[in-house]
Amino acid sequence: MSATQLLVFAKAPVPGRVKTRLCPPCSPDQAALVAAAALADTLAAADAAPVAVRTLVLDGAHCAPPAWRTVRQRGNGLAERLANGYLDSAMPGHHALLIGMDTPQVTPGLLGTAVRALATADAVLGLAEDGGWWALGLRDPADAAALRRVPMSTPDTGRSTLAALRRRGLRVAALPVLSDVDTVADAHRVVAACAPGSAFAAAVAAHVPVAVAGR
């Protein structure tokens, strides 16, 4: 029976390199604090998920939680880095479930739903409200080759990813649609879905003005 490896695809929260669409009204330092909190909540949920192995697929320098593996991102462009993340982290006998750091409202229960879906589907895909996706699970990590020609960071990325997976003959199960965090409005909307004690919710309250939440 196959086990599942959970991949968290992340960028180190360095000012000026993360959450730049929050600036303004946030400063680069504030945006980095928000990104760090989103990553912390994501890692905490992943730590409690029912998976066999946890791996941080990282751009930059950041400490992974204890017992996690770290794999460095490589490649030109997001599509190539995602595909290589699956390839470079692949383990024999393990499915791969990848999530980003922009959905800090994710829960261990939701990740468990994705893991269980991989028992019968070839892939699981969680679309994002902005047209992208927040999670992609693959029974065979080699099927991540489908991502290499998918245009990323567009309103059609999710649909294009689904089409690319189906062209490989994969049976794809759907996960719930989530909001990810790009803009100030996104940040305030996601806070409402976060668990009590969320580091992300605290960071948004401290660093992202409510008065401009609609921008």
Protein backbone atom coordinates (compact mmCIF):
# COMPACT_ATOMS: atom_id res chain seq x y z
CA MET A 1 0.00 0.00 0.00
CA SER A 2 1.38 3.40 -0.97
CA ALA A 3 2.04 6.15 1.54
CA THR A 4 1.79 9.89 0.91
CA GLN A 5 4.51 12.51 1.01
CA LEU A 6 3.27 16.05 1.67
CA LEU A 7 5.21 18.80 -0.09
CA VAL A 8 4.98 22.42 1.05
CA PHE A 9 6.18 24.63 -1.80
CA ALA A 10 7.44 27.84 -0.25
CA LYS A 11 9.58 30.93 -0.60
CA ALA A 12 11.62 32.17 2.36
CA PRO A 13 9.84 35.21 3.86
CA VAL A 14 12.43 37.83 2.95
CA PRO A 15 11.34 41.50 2.73
CA GLY A 16 10.98 42.61 -0.87
CA ARG A 17 10.67 39.01 -2.20
CA VAL A 18 7.33 37.90 -0.76
CA LYS A 19 3.79 39.24 -0.75
CA THR A 20 4.81 42.28 -2.78
CA ARG A 21 1.19 42.86 -3.82
CA LEU A 22 0.48 43.87 -0.21
CA CYS A 23 2.80 46.87 -0.71
CA PRO A 24 1.42 49.44 -0.26
CA PRO A 25 -0.20 49.79 2.21
CA CYS A 26 2.20 47.35 3.90
CA SER A 27 5.92 47.95 3.96
CA PRO A 28 8.15 45.15 2.62
CA ASP A 29 8.99 44.22 6.23
CA GLN A 30 5.31 43.98 7.15
CA ALA A 31 4.53 41.92 4.06
CA ALA A 32 7.35 39.53 4.99
CA LEU A 33 5.92 39.14 8.50
CA VAL A 34 2.53 38.26 6.99
CA ALA A 35 4.20 35.73 4.67
CA ALA A 36 6.13 34.20 7.57
CA ALA A 37 2.90 33.79 9.54
CA ALA A 38 1.15 32.18 6.55
CA LEU A 39 4.04 29.75 6.20
CA ALA A 40 4.00 28.97 9.92
CA ASP A 41 0.28 28.12 9.89
CA THR A 42 0.71 26.03 6.74
CA LEU A 43 3.58 24.06 8.25
CA ALA A 44 1.61 23.51 11.46
CA ALA A 45 -1.33 22.08 9.53
CA ALA A 46 1.00 19.91 7.48
CA ASP A 47 2.73 18.67 10.64
CA ALA A 48 -0.62 17.35 11.90
CA ALA A 49 -1.77 15.85 8.59
CA PRO A 50 -2.03 12.06 8.17
CA VAL A 51 0.98 11.62 5.89
CA ALA A 52 4.11 9.48 6.03
CA VAL A 53 6.71 12.08 4.98
CA ARG A 54 6.80 15.88 5.01
CA THR A 55 9.08 17.90 2.74
CA LEU A 56 9.67 21.63 2.41
CA VAL A 57 10.34 22.50 -1.24
CA LEU A 58 12.12 25.76 -0.67
CA ASP A 59 13.30 28.87 -2.49
CA GLY A 60 15.76 30.60 -0.17
CA ALA A 61 16.81 29.79 3.38
CA HIS A 62 14.29 28.80 6.05
CA CYS A 63 14.37 26.22 8.84
CA ALA A 64 12.03 23.29 8.31
CA PRO A 65 10.24 21.75 11.30
CA PRO A 66 11.91 18.79 13.02
CA ALA A 67 11.84 15.51 11.06
CA TRP A 68 11.05 17.30 7.78
CA ARG A 69 13.08 16.93 4.62
CA THR A 70 14.14 20.00 2.63
CA VAL A 71 14.46 20.04 -1.17
CA ARG A 72 15.66 23.14 -2.98
CA GLN A 73 13.56 24.59 -5.78
CA ARG A 74 15.27 24.64 -9.16
CA GLY A 75 14.34 25.70 -12.66
CA ASN A 76 13.33 28.74 -14.67
CA GLY A 77 9.78 29.84 -14.00
CA LEU A 78 7.13 28.53 -11.66
CA ALA A 79 5.92 25.68 -13.85
CA GLU A 80 9.41 24.21 -14.12
CA ARG A 81 10.11 24.65 -10.39
CA LEU A 82 6.85 22.90 -9.49
CA ALA A 83 7.50 19.98 -11.82
CA ASN A 84 11.06 19.66 -10.55
CA GLY A 85 9.83 19.81 -6.96
CA TYR A 86 7.83 16.63 -7.47
CA LEU A 87 10.70 14.99 -9.34
CA ASP A 88 13.46 15.93 -6.88
CA SER A 89 11.48 14.89 -3.80
CA ALA A 90 9.97 11.67 -5.21
CA MET A 91 10.23 8.59 -2.99
CA PRO A 92 9.54 5.01 -4.12
CA GLY A 93 6.10 3.81 -3.05
CA HIS A 94 4.88 7.30 -2.10
CA HIS A 95 2.16 9.46 -3.59
CA ALA A 96 2.90 13.21 -3.59
CA LEU A 97 0.56 15.96 -2.36
CA LEU A 98 1.81 19.51 -2.91
CA ILE A 99 0.41 22.67 -1.34
CA GLY A 100 1.66 26.25 -1.29
CA MET A 101 2.09 28.71 1.57
CA ASP A 102 -0.71 31.06 0.46
CA THR A 103 -3.63 29.18 2.05
CA PRO A 104 -2.93 29.41 5.79
CA GLN A 105 -6.54 28.42 6.48
CA VAL A 106 -5.79 24.85 5.35
CA THR A 107 -6.49 22.23 8.02
CA PRO A 108 -5.12 18.76 8.77
CA GLY A 109 -8.60 17.42 8.08
CA LEU A 110 -8.69 18.93 4.59
CA LEU A 111 -5.24 17.51 3.85
CA GLY A 112 -6.47 14.15 5.09
CA THR A 113 -9.36 14.35 2.63
CA ALA A 114 -6.84 14.86 -0.17
CA VAL A 115 -4.75 11.90 0.99
CA ARG A 116 -7.79 9.62 1.07
CA ALA A 117 -8.87 10.75 -2.40
CA LEU A 118 -5.52 9.61 -3.79
CA ALA A 119 -6.43 6.06 -2.81
CA THR A 120 -8.85 5.92 -5.76
CA ALA A 121 -8.00 8.86 -8.03
CA ASP A 122 -4.85 9.38 -10.07
CA ALA A 123 -4.72 13.03 -9.03
CA VAL A 124 -6.49 15.47 -6.73
CA LEU A 125 -6.71 19.18 -7.54
CA GLY A 126 -7.79 22.02 -5.30
CA LEU A 127 -8.65 25.14 -7.30
CA ALA A 128 -8.23 28.67 -5.94
CA GLU A 129 -10.78 31.43 -6.28
CA ASP A 130 -8.39 33.56 -8.34
CA GLY A 131 -8.21 30.91 -11.05
CA GLY A 132 -5.07 29.13 -9.87
CA TRP A 133 -4.79 26.10 -7.61
CA TRP A 134 -3.72 25.57 -4.02
CA ALA A 135 -3.16 21.80 -3.94
CA LEU A 136 -2.20 19.09 -6.41
CA GLY A 137 -1.81 15.47 -5.39
CA LEU A 138 -0.43 12.81 -7.71
CA ARG A 139 -0.37 9.05 -7.24
CA ASP A 140 2.68 9.00 -9.49
CA PRO A 141 4.92 12.07 -9.00
CA ALA A 142 6.23 11.60 -12.56
CA ASP A 143 2.88 12.92 -13.78
CA ALA A 144 4.01 16.37 -12.65
CA ALA A 145 5.58 16.59 -16.11
CA ALA A 146 2.10 17.77 -17.15
CA LEU A 147 2.81 21.08 -15.42
CA ARG A 148 5.78 22.08 -17.52
CA ARG A 149 3.70 23.68 -20.28
CA VAL A 150 0.93 25.10 -18.11
CA PRO A 151 0.94 28.93 -17.96
CA MET A 152 1.20 29.85 -14.29
CA SER A 153 -0.19 32.83 -12.35
CA THR A 154 -3.06 33.47 -14.78
CA PRO A 155 -6.83 33.37 -14.29
CA ASP A 156 -6.85 30.12 -16.32
CA THR A 157 -4.03 28.26 -14.54
CA GLY A 158 -6.40 25.95 -12.65
CA ARG A 159 -8.42 25.01 -15.71
CA SER A 160 -5.26 24.58 -17.78
CA THR A 161 -3.75 22.32 -15.11
CA LEU A 162 -6.87 20.18 -15.03
CA ALA A 163 -6.83 19.89 -18.81
CA ALA A 164 -3.14 18.94 -18.83
CA LEU A 165 -3.72 16.20 -16.25
CA ARG A 166 -6.65 14.81 -18.22
CA ARG A 167 -4.60 14.79 -21.41
CA ARG A 168 -2.28 12.35 -19.62
CA GLY A 169 -5.30 10.13 -19.04
CA LEU A 170 -5.47 10.82 -15.30
CA ARG A 171 -8.65 10.54 -13.25
CA VAL A 172 -8.79 13.79 -11.27
CA ALA A 173 -10.77 14.28 -8.05
CA ALA A 174 -11.71 17.79 -6.94
CA LEU A 175 -10.87 19.32 -3.57
CA PRO A 176 -12.74 22.31 -2.11
CA VAL A 177 -12.03 25.71 -3.67
CA LEU A 178 -10.04 28.01 -1.34
CA SER A 179 -9.02 31.66 -1.39
CA ASP A 180 -5.28 32.22 -1.48
CA VAL A 181 -3.51 35.34 -0.29
CA ASP A 182 -2.19 37.78 -2.86
CA THR A 183 -3.85 41.12 -2.10
CA VAL A 184 -4.93 43.04 0.98
CA ALA A 185 -8.54 42.06 0.35
CA ASP A 186 -7.50 38.41 0.12
CA ALA A 187 -5.68 38.64 3.43
CA HIS A 188 -8.72 39.89 5.31
CA ARG A 189 -11.00 37.38 3.61
CA VAL A 190 -8.74 34.44 4.51
CA VAL A 191 -8.48 35.55 8.15
CA ALA A 192 -12.18 34.79 8.52
CA ALA A 193 -11.51 31.15 7.60
CA CYS A 194 -8.49 30.68 9.88
CA ALA A 195 -8.56 28.67 13.08
CA PRO A 196 -8.44 30.38 16.49
CA GLY A 197 -4.88 31.23 17.43
CA SER A 198 -3.79 31.53 13.81
CA ALA A 199 -0.42 33.23 13.39
CA PHE A 200 -1.62 34.57 10.05
CA ALA A 201 -4.70 36.18 11.57
CA ALA A 202 -2.55 37.86 14.22
CA ALA A 203 -0.09 39.13 11.61
CA VAL A 204 -2.84 40.55 9.42
CA ALA A 205 -4.42 42.28 12.41
CA ALA A 206 -1.07 43.83 13.30
CA HIS A 207 0.24 44.76 9.86
CA VAL A 208 -2.52 45.00 7.24
CA PRO A 209 -4.87 47.98 7.61
CA VAL A 210 -8.56 47.09 7.52
CA ALA A 211 -9.45 50.45 5.99
CA VAL A 212 -7.95 49.43 2.64
CA ALA A 213 -9.12 45.80 2.67
CA GLY A 214 -11.02 46.35 -0.56
CA ARG A 215 -7.95 47.30 -2.56
